[in-house]
Amino acid sequence: MGDVAMVAPVLVALRRNYPNLRITVLTPKFLQPFFREVGNIEFFAPDLKGRHKGVAGLLRLGRDLGRFDMVADLHDVLRSKGLCRLMKLRGTRIERIDKGRAEKKMLTAPENKQRVQLKTTVERYREVFVRLGFDLPEIPLPSRIRYPMSEAVARLAGAHDGTWIGVSPFAQHEGKIYPLDKMREVMLRLARIPGARIFVFGGGDAEKAYAEEVAALRDNIVSVIGRIRLGQEMELISNLDLMVSMDSSGLHMSSLVGLPVVSVWGATHPFAGFYGFGQDPALAVQVDMPCRPCSVYGNKPCLFGDYRCMRQITPGMIVSRVCGRLGVEIPSGNAD
């Protein structure tokens, strides 16, 4: 989801420079709200579990898509490579992302890590369109956007008469998840900020159960999991005052609307190029360790088996960063 969200700022710039260009984005339907700011855009949602499943499905997908003058492969995986080969047979010009795999391997090497800032994913996307011949000298930073809230979102959120803080505590891989017992303490402490309202984001049954368990402890903690759709989540996120997120989609969804994010990093690192576009580097919470980063995506087992890169981050470090950004006093003591 984060990779898809980071495409949007590039397409915003592309549309701004080329208002008459016909743009079609191949992406699942539920991710289409990420492109709300692009304007005049078409979508094709593949049916990867049905009509477009497997090799035969890939051939059908190529036929269903029709003809294009150019294709920007921003994914560079087996399916997209196969699809591009089909398109190329029809004379379509193809350019694909350079993921910088060799550089990322050096960044995450067990020994002699090359700890340098690599190109951002947004920049790598931009380069694809430049190679296709488009003039994109830079990608403007997202503006601070506040969307009108639909009735369902407004009813869930309540009156915005205080400080709204989002918390997105989950990620696809364990190496990117702050220990949930510690995150519970973070949320309980943030809930003690006068006038604060805490919204917990995520998806899935286990995540929903955790969020509802925490929400039951304080009247001003609200789980939104399973209660609103992704597009409605974007409405709510745009009206927050700050987000707390892992290296995950919550970071990138917030970046799309210019919302500041206090992000928490463990096995992964902003140097790999996946930091939120336009986010302040000073808001990243992390502990320097010889073994970090051990992974680009957080999917490798911890060398020590305990993800100490996350466990050495105290709840107070996160709460302090949040309160400093909001300009409010840090709640005293531990959460009760």
Protein backbone atom coordinates (compact mmCIF):
# COMPACT_ATOMS: atom_id res chain seq x y z
CA MET A 1 0.00 0.00 0.00
CA GLY A 2 2.80 2.39 0.84
CA ASP A 3 4.49 1.81 -2.51
CA VAL A 4 1.23 2.62 -4.30
CA ALA A 5 0.62 5.74 -2.21
CA MET A 6 4.05 7.10 -3.15
CA VAL A 7 3.09 6.99 -6.84
CA ALA A 8 0.42 9.66 -6.32
CA PRO A 9 2.71 12.73 -5.86
CA VAL A 10 4.52 11.84 -9.07
CA LEU A 11 1.26 11.61 -11.02
CA VAL A 12 0.11 14.91 -9.52
CA ALA A 13 3.23 16.55 -11.00
CA LEU A 14 2.81 14.69 -14.28
CA ARG A 15 -0.80 15.84 -14.61
CA ARG A 16 0.15 19.42 -13.72
CA ASN A 17 2.81 19.52 -16.47
CA TYR A 18 0.77 17.56 -19.02
CA PRO A 19 -2.92 18.40 -18.53
CA ASN A 20 -4.02 16.62 -21.72
CA LEU A 21 -2.15 13.39 -21.10
CA ARG A 22 -4.33 10.29 -20.80
CA ILE A 23 -3.24 8.42 -17.67
CA THR A 24 -4.47 4.95 -16.69
CA VAL A 25 -3.40 3.40 -13.40
CA LEU A 26 -3.47 -0.38 -13.04
CA THR A 27 -4.16 -0.97 -9.36
CA PRO A 28 -6.73 -2.71 -7.11
CA LYS A 29 -9.96 -0.79 -6.66
CA PHE A 30 -9.54 -0.31 -2.90
CA LEU A 31 -6.28 1.64 -3.44
CA GLN A 32 -7.74 4.14 -5.89
CA PRO A 33 -8.53 6.76 -3.19
CA PHE A 34 -4.78 7.42 -2.97
CA PHE A 35 -5.00 9.23 -6.32
CA ARG A 36 -7.71 11.69 -5.34
CA GLU A 37 -5.49 14.71 -6.01
CA VAL A 38 -4.31 13.67 -9.47
CA GLY A 39 -7.47 14.60 -11.38
CA ASN A 40 -8.70 13.33 -14.77
CA ILE A 41 -7.30 9.87 -14.25
CA GLU A 42 -8.57 6.45 -15.37
CA PHE A 43 -8.23 3.19 -13.48
CA PHE A 44 -8.12 -0.46 -14.39
CA ALA A 45 -8.66 -2.86 -11.49
CA PRO A 46 -7.28 -6.33 -12.22
CA ASP A 47 -9.18 -9.42 -11.07
CA LEU A 48 -6.16 -11.32 -9.75
CA LYS A 49 -8.25 -14.02 -8.06
CA GLY A 50 -10.46 -14.68 -11.07
CA ARG A 51 -10.22 -13.59 -14.68
CA HIS A 52 -6.62 -12.38 -14.45
CA LYS A 53 -5.20 -15.18 -12.27
CA GLY A 54 -2.15 -17.14 -13.40
CA VAL A 55 -0.41 -17.19 -16.77
CA ALA A 56 -3.64 -17.45 -18.76
CA GLY A 57 -5.05 -14.61 -16.69
CA LEU A 58 -2.01 -12.48 -17.45
CA LEU A 59 -2.64 -12.94 -21.17
CA ARG A 60 -6.27 -11.94 -20.65
CA LEU A 61 -5.17 -8.91 -18.64
CA GLY A 62 -2.95 -7.81 -21.52
CA ARG A 63 -5.87 -8.10 -23.94
CA ASP A 64 -8.31 -6.39 -21.58
CA LEU A 65 -6.03 -3.42 -21.05
CA GLY A 66 -5.77 -2.68 -24.76
CA ARG A 67 -3.13 -0.52 -26.42
CA PHE A 68 -0.96 2.17 -24.83
CA ASP A 69 1.79 4.37 -26.23
CA MET A 70 3.88 4.06 -23.08
CA VAL A 71 3.93 1.98 -19.92
CA ALA A 72 5.72 2.94 -16.72
CA ASP A 73 6.39 -0.23 -14.72
CA LEU A 74 6.69 1.09 -11.17
CA HIS A 75 6.56 -2.35 -9.59
CA ASP A 76 9.12 -4.49 -11.47
CA VAL A 77 7.89 -7.88 -10.29
CA LEU A 78 7.22 -11.08 -12.22
CA ARG A 79 3.64 -10.17 -13.15
CA SER A 80 4.43 -6.63 -14.27
CA LYS A 81 7.44 -7.83 -16.26
CA GLY A 82 5.29 -10.38 -18.07
CA LEU A 83 2.64 -7.79 -18.79
CA CYS A 84 5.23 -5.37 -20.14
CA ARG A 85 6.57 -8.02 -22.51
CA LEU A 86 3.07 -8.45 -23.92
CA MET A 87 2.73 -4.69 -24.32
CA LYS A 88 6.12 -4.41 -25.99
CA LEU A 89 5.03 -6.85 -28.69
CA ARG A 90 2.41 -4.27 -29.66
CA GLY A 91 4.99 -1.52 -30.01
CA THR A 92 4.47 0.03 -26.59
CA ARG A 93 7.45 1.86 -25.13
CA ILE A 94 8.38 0.42 -21.72
CA GLU A 95 10.42 1.86 -18.87
CA ARG A 96 10.65 0.31 -15.43
CA ILE A 97 11.82 1.38 -12.00
CA ASP A 98 15.41 0.90 -10.93
CA LYS A 99 14.92 -0.34 -7.39
CA GLY A 100 18.60 0.05 -6.51
CA ARG A 101 18.83 -3.51 -5.27
CA ALA A 102 22.64 -3.51 -5.11
CA GLU A 103 22.71 -0.30 -3.04
CA LYS A 104 20.05 -1.62 -0.68
CA LYS A 105 21.99 -4.86 -0.28
CA MET A 106 25.03 -2.86 0.84
CA LEU A 107 22.87 -0.82 3.23
CA THR A 108 21.54 -3.95 4.93
CA ALA A 109 24.70 -6.10 4.77
CA PRO A 110 25.48 -8.01 8.01
CA GLU A 111 28.94 -6.38 8.11
CA ASN A 112 30.46 -3.17 6.73
CA LYS A 113 27.10 -1.56 6.07
CA GLN A 114 27.13 1.44 3.76
CA ARG A 115 24.91 3.75 5.83
CA VAL A 116 24.08 6.45 3.30
CA GLN A 117 20.81 8.00 2.22
CA LEU A 118 19.63 6.24 -0.93
CA LYS A 119 17.28 7.71 -3.51
CA THR A 120 13.72 7.98 -2.32
CA THR A 121 11.11 5.76 -3.90
CA VAL A 122 9.32 8.89 -5.15
CA GLU A 123 12.52 9.93 -6.93
CA ARG A 124 12.90 6.47 -8.46
CA TYR A 125 9.32 6.74 -9.78
CA ARG A 126 10.06 10.21 -11.19
CA GLU A 127 13.06 8.87 -13.07
CA VAL A 128 10.89 6.32 -14.88
CA PHE A 129 8.76 9.07 -16.39
CA VAL A 130 11.83 11.14 -17.24
CA ARG A 131 13.21 8.18 -19.19
CA LEU A 132 9.88 8.02 -21.02
CA GLY A 133 10.56 11.58 -22.17
CA PHE A 134 8.50 13.66 -19.77
CA ASP A 135 9.80 16.88 -18.24
CA LEU A 136 9.55 16.40 -14.49
CA PRO A 137 12.37 18.44 -12.93
CA GLU A 138 10.99 17.98 -9.41
CA ILE A 139 8.04 16.60 -7.49
CA PRO A 140 6.35 19.30 -5.36
CA LEU A 141 5.81 18.43 -1.72
CA PRO A 142 2.19 17.63 -0.85
CA SER A 143 0.16 20.55 0.47
CA ARG A 144 -1.70 20.32 3.77
CA ILE A 145 -5.12 19.06 2.70
CA ARG A 146 -8.25 18.67 4.81
CA TYR A 147 -11.05 16.78 3.09
CA PRO A 148 -14.70 17.24 4.04
CA MET A 149 -15.78 14.29 6.16
CA SER A 150 -18.70 12.13 5.06
CA GLU A 151 -21.55 11.56 7.48
CA ALA A 152 -20.20 8.15 8.54
CA VAL A 153 -16.74 9.54 9.30
CA ALA A 154 -18.09 12.60 11.12
CA ARG A 155 -20.34 10.41 13.24
CA LEU A 156 -17.43 8.15 14.18
CA ALA A 157 -14.97 10.97 14.84
CA GLY A 158 -17.22 13.37 16.77
CA ALA A 159 -16.65 17.10 17.16
CA HIS A 160 -13.15 18.31 16.36
CA ASP A 161 -12.83 20.45 19.47
CA GLY A 162 -9.39 19.32 20.60
CA THR A 163 -6.25 17.56 19.34
CA TRP A 164 -6.77 14.59 17.04
CA ILE A 165 -3.95 12.04 16.94
CA GLY A 166 -3.90 8.98 14.71
CA VAL A 167 -2.00 5.82 15.61
CA SER A 168 -1.19 3.21 12.97
CA PRO A 169 0.61 0.55 15.04
CA PHE A 170 0.74 -2.31 12.56
CA ALA A 171 2.84 -3.32 9.56
CA GLN A 172 3.14 -6.28 7.24
CA HIS A 173 6.28 -7.67 8.91
CA GLU A 174 7.26 -8.07 12.57
CA GLY A 175 10.52 -6.17 12.12
CA LYS A 176 8.52 -2.99 11.52
CA ILE A 177 6.05 -3.32 14.42
CA TYR A 178 6.66 -1.57 17.72
CA PRO A 179 5.84 -4.03 20.57
CA LEU A 180 2.11 -3.80 21.07
CA ASP A 181 2.33 -3.72 24.86
CA LYS A 182 4.56 -0.66 24.60
CA MET A 183 2.32 0.90 21.96
CA ARG A 184 -0.62 0.47 24.33
CA GLU A 185 1.27 2.57 26.86
CA VAL A 186 2.00 5.19 24.20
CA MET A 187 -1.68 5.50 23.36
CA LEU A 188 -2.77 5.64 26.99
CA ARG A 189 -0.26 8.39 27.70
CA LEU A 190 -1.27 10.36 24.62
CA ALA A 191 -4.89 10.02 25.71
CA ARG A 192 -3.98 12.03 28.83
CA ILE A 193 -3.16 15.12 26.77
CA PRO A 194 -5.95 17.60 27.56
CA GLY A 195 -8.53 17.60 24.76
CA ALA A 196 -6.85 14.72 22.91
CA ARG A 197 -8.72 12.12 20.88
CA ILE A 198 -6.81 9.05 19.66
CA PHE A 199 -7.82 7.15 16.52
CA VAL A 200 -6.38 3.66 15.91
CA PHE A 201 -5.95 2.54 12.28
CA GLY A 202 -5.27 -0.88 10.80
CA GLY A 203 -6.96 -3.91 9.28
CA GLY A 204 -7.62 -7.57 10.01
CA ASP A 205 -9.33 -9.41 12.84
CA ALA A 206 -6.33 -9.60 15.21
CA GLU A 207 -5.56 -5.91 14.76
CA LYS A 208 -9.20 -5.01 15.27
CA ALA A 209 -9.33 -7.01 18.51
CA TYR A 210 -6.21 -5.27 19.83
CA ALA A 211 -7.47 -1.81 18.88
CA GLU A 212 -10.85 -2.40 20.50
CA GLU A 213 -9.17 -3.71 23.66
CA VAL A 214 -7.15 -0.50 23.96
CA ALA A 215 -10.14 1.68 23.05
CA ALA A 216 -12.12 0.11 25.87
CA LEU A 217 -9.62 1.55 28.36
CA ARG A 218 -10.30 5.22 27.56
CA ASP A 219 -13.35 7.06 26.26
CA ASN A 220 -11.14 9.23 24.04
CA ILE A 221 -9.49 6.31 22.20
CA VAL A 222 -11.42 5.20 19.12
CA SER A 223 -10.76 2.19 16.89
CA VAL A 224 -11.68 2.85 13.27
CA ILE A 225 -10.72 -0.64 12.09
CA GLY A 226 -13.54 -2.27 10.16
CA ARG A 227 -15.80 0.73 10.67
CA ILE A 228 -14.91 2.85 7.64
CA ARG A 229 -13.45 2.17 4.18
CA LEU A 230 -10.02 3.28 2.92
CA GLY A 231 -11.34 6.39 1.19
CA GLN A 232 -13.11 7.40 4.41
CA GLU A 233 -9.93 6.72 6.37
CA MET A 234 -8.21 9.24 4.10
CA GLU A 235 -10.91 11.78 5.00
CA LEU A 236 -10.29 11.23 8.70
CA ILE A 237 -6.50 11.23 8.36
CA SER A 238 -6.62 14.55 6.53
CA ASN A 239 -8.38 16.09 9.53
CA LEU A 240 -5.92 14.80 12.15
CA ASP A 241 -3.34 17.01 13.80
CA LEU A 242 -0.64 14.32 13.78
CA MET A 243 -0.11 10.63 13.03
CA VAL A 244 2.03 8.06 14.86
CA SER A 245 2.96 5.26 12.46
CA MET A 246 5.35 2.45 11.76
CA ASP A 247 7.27 2.24 8.48
CA SER A 248 3.97 1.32 6.86
CA SER A 249 0.99 2.59 4.87
CA GLY A 250 -0.13 4.93 7.68
CA LEU A 251 3.03 6.96 7.11
CA HIS A 252 2.44 7.28 3.39
CA MET A 253 -1.30 7.88 3.56
CA SER A 254 -0.63 10.76 5.94
CA SER A 255 2.09 12.13 3.66
CA LEU A 256 -0.40 12.36 0.79
CA VAL A 257 -2.34 15.03 2.70
CA GLY A 258 0.68 16.77 4.22
CA LEU A 259 -0.01 15.50 7.74
CA PRO A 260 3.09 15.37 10.02
CA VAL A 261 4.00 11.86 11.16
CA VAL A 262 6.04 10.64 14.11
CA SER A 263 7.31 7.39 12.61
CA VAL A 264 8.89 4.48 14.50
CA TRP A 265 11.70 2.47 12.86
CA GLY A 266 13.18 -0.89 13.82
CA ALA A 267 14.62 -3.40 11.35
CA THR A 268 14.21 -0.95 8.47
CA HIS A 269 15.64 2.54 8.07
CA PRO A 270 14.70 5.82 6.34
CA PHE A 271 18.00 5.56 4.42
CA ALA A 272 16.45 2.84 2.22
CA GLY A 273 14.26 5.49 0.57
CA PHE A 274 10.87 4.68 2.04
CA TYR A 275 10.53 7.64 4.39
CA GLY A 276 7.28 9.53 4.03
CA PHE A 277 7.43 12.02 1.17
CA GLY A 278 7.78 15.53 2.59
CA GLN A 279 8.07 14.36 6.20
CA ASP A 280 10.47 15.99 8.66
CA PRO A 281 13.41 13.59 9.30
CA ALA A 282 13.53 14.86 12.89
CA LEU A 283 10.20 13.13 13.56
CA ALA A 284 11.63 9.64 12.96
CA VAL A 285 12.08 7.70 16.21
CA GLN A 286 14.88 5.12 16.05
CA VAL A 287 17.87 3.79 17.95
CA ASP A 288 21.27 3.50 16.27
CA MET A 289 22.56 -0.08 16.45
CA PRO A 290 25.35 -1.86 14.54
CA CYS A 291 22.85 -4.35 13.13
CA ARG A 292 20.48 -1.69 11.74
CA PRO A 293 19.12 -1.75 9.16
CA CYS A 294 19.02 -5.51 8.67
CA SER A 295 16.27 -5.44 6.07
CA VAL A 296 14.75 -3.20 3.43
CA TYR A 297 11.21 -4.43 4.06
CA GLY A 298 11.40 -5.76 7.62
CA ASN A 299 10.81 -9.34 6.51
CA LYS A 300 14.07 -10.91 7.71
CA PRO A 301 14.25 -12.72 11.08
CA CYS A 302 16.04 -10.78 13.81
CA LEU A 303 19.67 -11.81 14.31
CA PHE A 304 19.06 -11.90 18.08
CA GLY A 305 15.50 -13.18 17.91
CA ASP A 306 14.00 -10.33 19.95
CA TYR A 307 13.90 -7.25 17.65
CA ARG A 308 15.80 -5.24 20.25
CA CYS A 309 15.97 -2.38 17.76
CA MET A 310 12.30 -1.81 18.59
CA ARG A 311 12.39 -2.80 22.24
CA GLN A 312 15.11 -0.24 23.03
CA ILE A 313 12.71 2.51 21.97
CA THR A 314 10.81 3.56 25.07
CA PRO A 315 7.19 4.76 25.01
CA GLY A 316 8.48 8.02 26.47
CA MET A 317 10.65 8.63 23.41
CA ILE A 318 7.60 8.45 21.14
CA VAL A 319 5.34 10.48 23.45
CA SER A 320 8.03 13.15 23.80
CA ARG A 321 8.39 13.46 20.01
CA VAL A 322 4.62 13.72 19.59
CA CYS A 323 4.21 16.37 22.26
CA GLY A 324 7.17 18.35 20.95
CA ARG A 325 5.65 18.46 17.46
CA LEU A 326 2.22 19.41 18.81
CA GLY A 327 3.66 21.99 21.20
CA VAL A 328 1.92 20.52 24.25
CA GLU A 329 3.19 19.49 27.67
CA ILE A 330 4.32 15.88 28.02
CA PRO A 331 1.90 13.93 30.26
CA SER A 332 3.70 13.07 33.47
CA GLY A 333 4.23 9.55 34.78
CA ASN A 334 3.40 6.22 33.20
CA ALA A 335 0.03 5.26 31.81
CA ASP A 336 -2.18 3.73 34.50
